[in-house]
Amino acid sequence: MASHDQVERFKQAARELGTDDDPEHFKQVVRRIAKAKSSADEGRGGKTAKRDGS
């Protein structure tokens, strides 16, 4: 279960993004962030760096 502090941090981040009051705006922001993330991944060929375990 999430701690009270973690919930408060999430709420603060939502306020900073301007998404805490409107569920549809929240969805739009999440889509924009997800799209930006996937575009950045495509720039690397869509692959993540391999770790050698050390």
Protein backbone atom coordinates (compact mmCIF):
# COMPACT_ATOMS: atom_id res chain seq x y z
CA MET A 1 0.00 0.00 0.00
CA ALA A 2 1.22 3.50 -0.78
CA SER A 3 2.43 5.60 2.09
CA HIS A 4 0.77 8.91 2.91
CA ASP A 5 3.96 10.73 1.86
CA GLN A 6 3.97 8.98 -1.51
CA VAL A 7 0.31 9.89 -2.10
CA GLU A 8 1.03 13.52 -1.27
CA ARG A 9 4.00 13.59 -3.67
CA PHE A 10 1.78 12.18 -6.43
CA LYS A 11 -0.88 14.81 -5.75
CA GLN A 12 1.73 17.57 -5.82
CA ALA A 13 3.13 16.33 -9.13
CA ALA A 14 -0.41 16.26 -10.56
CA ARG A 15 -0.98 19.84 -9.44
CA GLU A 16 2.28 20.95 -11.04
CA LEU A 17 1.22 19.34 -14.32
CA GLY A 18 -2.20 20.94 -14.03
CA THR A 19 -3.97 17.58 -14.14
CA ASP A 20 -5.44 17.24 -10.66
CA ASP A 21 -8.93 18.60 -11.43
CA ASP A 22 -9.83 17.34 -14.89
CA PRO A 23 -9.64 13.59 -15.67
CA GLU A 24 -9.63 14.22 -19.43
CA HIS A 25 -6.74 16.68 -19.16
CA PHE A 26 -4.87 14.10 -17.06
CA LYS A 27 -5.29 11.53 -19.87
CA GLN A 28 -4.01 14.04 -22.43
CA VAL A 29 -0.92 14.82 -20.36
CA VAL A 30 -0.18 11.13 -19.79
CA ARG A 31 -0.53 10.45 -23.53
CA ARG A 32 1.81 13.34 -24.32
CA ILE A 33 4.40 12.09 -21.84
CA ALA A 34 4.11 8.50 -23.09
CA LYS A 35 4.43 9.64 -26.70
CA ALA A 36 7.52 11.71 -25.88
CA LYS A 37 9.05 8.72 -24.08
CA SER A 38 8.42 6.37 -27.00
CA SER A 39 9.82 8.90 -29.47
CA ALA A 40 13.00 9.15 -27.42
CA ASP A 41 13.29 5.36 -27.41
CA GLU A 42 12.94 5.26 -31.20
CA GLY A 43 15.96 7.54 -31.45
CA ARG A 44 17.98 4.73 -29.87
CA GLY A 45 16.55 2.12 -32.17
CA GLY A 46 13.88 1.23 -29.62
CA LYS A 47 16.34 -0.76 -27.56
CA THR A 48 17.41 -0.33 -23.97
CA ALA A 49 21.00 -0.50 -22.84
CA LYS A 50 22.16 -3.92 -21.73
CA ARG A 51 23.71 -4.27 -18.32
CA ASP A 52 26.52 -6.68 -17.67
CA GLY A 53 25.42 -7.39 -14.10
CA SER A 54 28.47 -5.86 -12.44
